[in-house]
Amino acid sequence: VQAGDLVVVLEAMKMEQPINAHKAGTIKGLTAQVGASITSGASICEIKD
């Protein structure tokens, strides 16, 4: 991904929140599943250089 690319879209209370890459790199360790609930502060993926 490049810095600023859309990585995921989180939905909370029927509102969608786009999450963009903060840096360029390769996405590793994607742990989020479609439709799953996550807690505040949870890591959903890692971007490696």
PDB file of N, CA and C in Angstrom:
ATOM      1  N   VAL A   1       0.837  -1.185   0.000  1.00  0.00           N
ATOM      2  CA  VAL A   1       0.000   0.000   0.000  1.00  0.00           C
ATOM      3  C   VAL A   1       0.880   1.244   0.000  1.00  0.00           C
ATOM      4  N   GLN A   2       0.304   2.330  -0.413  1.00  0.00           N
ATOM      5  CA  GLN A   2       0.969   3.626  -0.349  1.00  0.00           C
ATOM      6  C   GLN A   2       0.369   4.419   0.806  1.00  0.00           C
ATOM      7  N   ALA A   3       1.102   5.360   1.335  1.00  0.00           N
ATOM      8  CA  ALA A   3       0.576   6.210   2.401  1.00  0.00           C
ATOM      9  C   ALA A   3      -0.709   6.871   1.908  1.00  0.00           C
ATOM     10  N   GLY A   4      -1.753   6.794   2.714  1.00  0.00           N
ATOM     11  CA  GLY A   4      -3.036   7.391   2.355  1.00  0.00           C
ATOM     12  C   GLY A   4      -4.011   6.444   1.695  1.00  0.00           C
ATOM     13  N   ASP A   5      -3.558   5.246   1.262  1.00  0.00           N
ATOM     14  CA  ASP A   5      -4.462   4.267   0.650  1.00  0.00           C
ATOM     15  C   ASP A   5      -5.480   3.769   1.668  1.00  0.00           C
ATOM     16  N   LEU A   6      -6.695   3.495   1.206  1.00  0.00           N
ATOM     17  CA  LEU A   6      -7.731   2.915   2.053  1.00  0.00           C
ATOM     18  C   LEU A   6      -7.353   1.479   2.393  1.00  0.00           C
ATOM     19  N   VAL A   7      -7.348   1.146   3.688  1.00  0.00           N
ATOM     20  CA  VAL A   7      -7.002  -0.203   4.131  1.00  0.00           C
ATOM     21  C   VAL A   7      -8.262  -0.956   4.541  1.00  0.00           C
ATOM     22  N   VAL A   8      -9.061  -0.369   5.411  1.00  0.00           N
ATOM     23  CA  VAL A   8     -10.312  -0.988   5.866  1.00  0.00           C
ATOM     24  C   VAL A   8     -11.358   0.097   6.092  1.00  0.00           C
ATOM     25  N   VAL A   9     -12.610  -0.342   6.186  1.00  0.00           N
ATOM     26  CA  VAL A   9     -13.703   0.546   6.565  1.00  0.00           C
ATOM     27  C   VAL A   9     -14.343  -0.054   7.807  1.00  0.00           C
ATOM     28  N   LEU A  10     -14.303   0.698   8.904  1.00  0.00           N
ATOM     29  CA  LEU A  10     -14.924   0.262  10.152  1.00  0.00           C
ATOM     30  C   LEU A  10     -16.335   0.819  10.217  1.00  0.00           C
ATOM     31  N   GLU A  11     -17.253   0.009  10.736  1.00  0.00           N
ATOM     32  CA  GLU A  11     -18.625   0.463  10.918  1.00  0.00           C
ATOM     33  C   GLU A  11     -18.923   0.501  12.407  1.00  0.00           C
ATOM     34  N   ALA A  12     -19.436   1.633  12.872  1.00  0.00           N
ATOM     35  CA  ALA A  12     -19.822   1.784  14.271  1.00  0.00           C
ATOM     36  C   ALA A  12     -21.104   2.599  14.321  1.00  0.00           C
ATOM     37  N   MET A  13     -22.097   2.055  14.972  1.00  0.00           N
ATOM     38  CA  MET A  13     -23.383   2.739  15.125  1.00  0.00           C
ATOM     39  C   MET A  13     -23.934   3.202  13.777  1.00  0.00           C
ATOM     40  N   LYS A  14     -23.861   2.311  12.785  1.00  0.00           N
ATOM     41  CA  LYS A  14     -24.376   2.535  11.433  1.00  0.00           C
ATOM     42  C   LYS A  14     -23.636   3.636  10.673  1.00  0.00           C
ATOM     43  N   MET A  15     -22.456   4.010  11.156  1.00  0.00           N
ATOM     44  CA  MET A  15     -21.617   4.980  10.446  1.00  0.00           C
ATOM     45  C   MET A  15     -20.347   4.274   9.997  1.00  0.00           C
ATOM     46  N   GLU A  16     -19.894   4.579   8.792  1.00  0.00           N
ATOM     47  CA  GLU A  16     -18.670   3.972   8.274  1.00  0.00           C
ATOM     48  C   GLU A  16     -17.497   4.926   8.451  1.00  0.00           C
ATOM     49  N   GLN A  17     -16.371   4.374   8.915  1.00  0.00           N
ATOM     50  CA  GLN A  17     -15.159   5.165   9.139  1.00  0.00           C
ATOM     51  C   GLN A  17     -14.020   4.565   8.319  1.00  0.00           C
ATOM     52  N   PRO A  18     -13.573   5.247   7.262  1.00  0.00           N
ATOM     53  CA  PRO A  18     -12.451   4.719   6.481  1.00  0.00           C
ATOM     54  C   PRO A  18     -11.145   4.826   7.271  1.00  0.00           C
ATOM     55  N   ILE A  19     -10.321   3.789   7.189  1.00  0.00           N
ATOM     56  CA  ILE A  19      -9.008   3.780   7.834  1.00  0.00           C
ATOM     57  C   ILE A  19      -7.961   3.696   6.726  1.00  0.00           C
ATOM     58  N   ASN A  20      -7.116   4.713   6.655  1.00  0.00           N
ATOM     59  CA  ASN A  20      -6.097   4.788   5.608  1.00  0.00           C
ATOM     60  C   ASN A  20      -4.727   4.406   6.153  1.00  0.00           C
ATOM     61  N   ALA A  21      -3.869   3.932   5.259  1.00  0.00           N
ATOM     62  CA  ALA A  21      -2.496   3.584   5.631  1.00  0.00           C
ATOM     63  C   ALA A  21      -1.750   4.840   6.053  1.00  0.00           C
ATOM     64  N   HIS A  22      -1.036   4.767   7.170  1.00  0.00           N
ATOM     65  CA  HIS A  22      -0.271   5.919   7.654  1.00  0.00           C
ATOM     66  C   HIS A  22       1.117   5.988   7.028  1.00  0.00           C
ATOM     67  N   LYS A  23       1.519   4.896   6.346  1.00  0.00           N
ATOM     68  CA  LYS A  23       2.811   4.867   5.664  1.00  0.00           C
ATOM     69  C   LYS A  23       2.752   3.851   4.539  1.00  0.00           C
ATOM     70  N   ALA A  24       3.717   3.910   3.639  1.00  0.00           N
ATOM     71  CA  ALA A  24       3.804   2.947   2.545  1.00  0.00           C
ATOM     72  C   ALA A  24       4.431   1.658   3.050  1.00  0.00           C
ATOM     73  N   GLY A  25       4.017   0.527   2.497  1.00  0.00           N
ATOM     74  CA  GLY A  25       4.596  -0.755   2.877  1.00  0.00           C
ATOM     75  C   GLY A  25       3.709  -1.905   2.453  1.00  0.00           C
ATOM     76  N   THR A  26       3.934  -3.052   3.080  1.00  0.00           N
ATOM     77  CA  THR A  26       3.178  -4.268   2.808  1.00  0.00           C
ATOM     78  C   THR A  26       2.346  -4.618   4.028  1.00  0.00           C
ATOM     79  N   ILE A  27       1.068  -4.903   3.806  1.00  0.00           N
ATOM     80  CA  ILE A  27       0.197  -5.278   4.921  1.00  0.00           C
ATOM     81  C   ILE A  27       0.511  -6.710   5.326  1.00  0.00           C
ATOM     82  N   LYS A  28       0.793  -6.897   6.616  1.00  0.00           N
ATOM     83  CA  LYS A  28       1.093  -8.217   7.185  1.00  0.00           C
ATOM     84  C   LYS A  28       0.182  -8.448   8.379  1.00  0.00           C
ATOM     85  N   GLY A  29      -0.150  -9.681   8.637  1.00  0.00           N
ATOM     86  CA  GLY A  29      -0.873 -10.043   9.855  1.00  0.00           C
ATOM     87  C   GLY A  29      -2.258  -9.443   9.962  1.00  0.00           C
ATOM     88  N   LEU A  30      -3.035  -9.465   8.879  1.00  0.00           N
ATOM     89  CA  LEU A  30      -4.402  -8.958   8.926  1.00  0.00           C
ATOM     90  C   LEU A  30      -5.217  -9.862   9.844  1.00  0.00           C
ATOM     91  N   THR A  31      -5.669  -9.325  10.970  1.00  0.00           N
ATOM     92  CA  THR A  31      -6.361 -10.142  11.968  1.00  0.00           C
ATOM     93  C   THR A  31      -7.858  -9.903  12.008  1.00  0.00           C
ATOM     94  N   ALA A  32      -8.337  -8.854  11.389  1.00  0.00           N
ATOM     95  CA  ALA A  32      -9.771  -8.548  11.416  1.00  0.00           C
ATOM     96  C   ALA A  32     -10.523  -9.447  10.439  1.00  0.00           C
ATOM     97  N   GLN A  33     -11.731  -9.825  10.819  1.00  0.00           N
ATOM     98  CA  GLN A  33     -12.602 -10.618   9.964  1.00  0.00           C
ATOM     99  C   GLN A  33     -13.816  -9.771   9.595  1.00  0.00           C
ATOM    100  N   VAL A  34     -14.339  -9.941   8.393  1.00  0.00           N
ATOM    101  CA  VAL A  34     -15.523  -9.199   7.962  1.00  0.00           C
ATOM    102  C   VAL A  34     -16.677  -9.499   8.911  1.00  0.00           C
ATOM    103  N   GLY A  35     -17.301  -8.445   9.425  1.00  0.00           N
ATOM    104  CA  GLY A  35     -18.450  -8.594  10.312  1.00  0.00           C
ATOM    105  C   GLY A  35     -18.113  -8.801  11.770  1.00  0.00           C
ATOM    106  N   ALA A  36     -16.834  -8.944  12.094  1.00  0.00           N
ATOM    107  CA  ALA A  36     -16.426  -9.189  13.483  1.00  0.00           C
ATOM    108  C   ALA A  36     -16.403  -7.891  14.274  1.00  0.00           C
ATOM    109  N   SER A  37     -16.603  -8.004  15.577  1.00  0.00           N
ATOM    110  CA  SER A  37     -16.488  -6.856  16.474  1.00  0.00           C
ATOM    111  C   SER A  37     -15.051  -6.758  16.968  1.00  0.00           C
ATOM    112  N   ILE A  38     -14.562  -5.533  17.106  1.00  0.00           N
ATOM    113  CA  ILE A  38     -13.233  -5.313  17.664  1.00  0.00           C
ATOM    114  C   ILE A  38     -13.339  -4.275  18.771  1.00  0.00           C
ATOM    115  N   THR A  39     -12.371  -4.267  19.656  1.00  0.00           N
ATOM    116  CA  THR A  39     -12.379  -3.314  20.759  1.00  0.00           C
ATOM    117  C   THR A  39     -11.537  -2.093  20.411  1.00  0.00           C
ATOM    118  N   SER A  40     -11.793  -1.021  21.106  1.00  0.00           N
ATOM    119  CA  SER A  40     -11.032   0.206  20.910  1.00  0.00           C
ATOM    120  C   SER A  40      -9.555  -0.048  21.179  1.00  0.00           C
ATOM    121  N   GLY A  41      -8.704   0.407  20.284  1.00  0.00           N
ATOM    122  CA  GLY A  41      -7.265   0.240  20.443  1.00  0.00           C
ATOM    123  C   GLY A  41      -6.721  -1.071  19.908  1.00  0.00           C
ATOM    124  N   ALA A  42      -7.600  -1.937  19.402  1.00  0.00           N
ATOM    125  CA  ALA A  42      -7.158  -3.233  18.878  1.00  0.00           C
ATOM    126  C   ALA A  42      -6.368  -3.040  17.582  1.00  0.00           C
ATOM    127  N   SER A  43      -5.337  -3.847  17.403  1.00  0.00           N
ATOM    128  CA  SER A  43      -4.561  -3.841  16.170  1.00  0.00           C
ATOM    129  C   SER A  43      -5.255  -4.763  15.175  1.00  0.00           C
ATOM    130  N   ILE A  44      -5.535  -4.256  13.973  1.00  0.00           N
ATOM    131  CA  ILE A  44      -6.216  -5.089  12.981  1.00  0.00           C
ATOM    132  C   ILE A  44      -5.293  -5.510  11.839  1.00  0.00           C
ATOM    133  N   CYS A  45      -4.149  -4.844  11.720  1.00  0.00           N
ATOM    134  CA  CYS A  45      -3.139  -5.254  10.749  1.00  0.00           C
ATOM    135  C   CYS A  45      -1.852  -4.501  11.043  1.00  0.00           C
ATOM    136  N   GLU A  46      -0.795  -4.924  10.371  1.00  0.00           N
ATOM    137  CA  GLU A  46       0.508  -4.291  10.533  1.00  0.00           C
ATOM    138  C   GLU A  46       1.027  -3.933   9.148  1.00  0.00           C
ATOM    139  N   ILE A  47       1.641  -2.771   9.026  1.00  0.00           N
ATOM    140  CA  ILE A  47       2.237  -2.361   7.753  1.00  0.00           C
ATOM    141  C   ILE A  47       3.751  -2.396   7.908  1.00  0.00           C
ATOM    142  N   LYS A  48       4.385  -3.297   7.155  1.00  0.00           N
ATOM    143  CA  LYS A  48       5.845  -3.448   7.181  1.00  0.00           C
ATOM    144  C   LYS A  48       6.455  -2.705   6.008  1.00  0.00           C
ATOM    145  N   ASP A  49       7.663  -2.182   6.203  1.00  0.00           N
ATOM    146  CA  ASP A  49       8.372  -1.480   5.129  1.00  0.00           C
ATOM    147  C   ASP A  49       8.735  -2.425   4.015  1.00  0.00           C
TER     148      ASP A  49
END
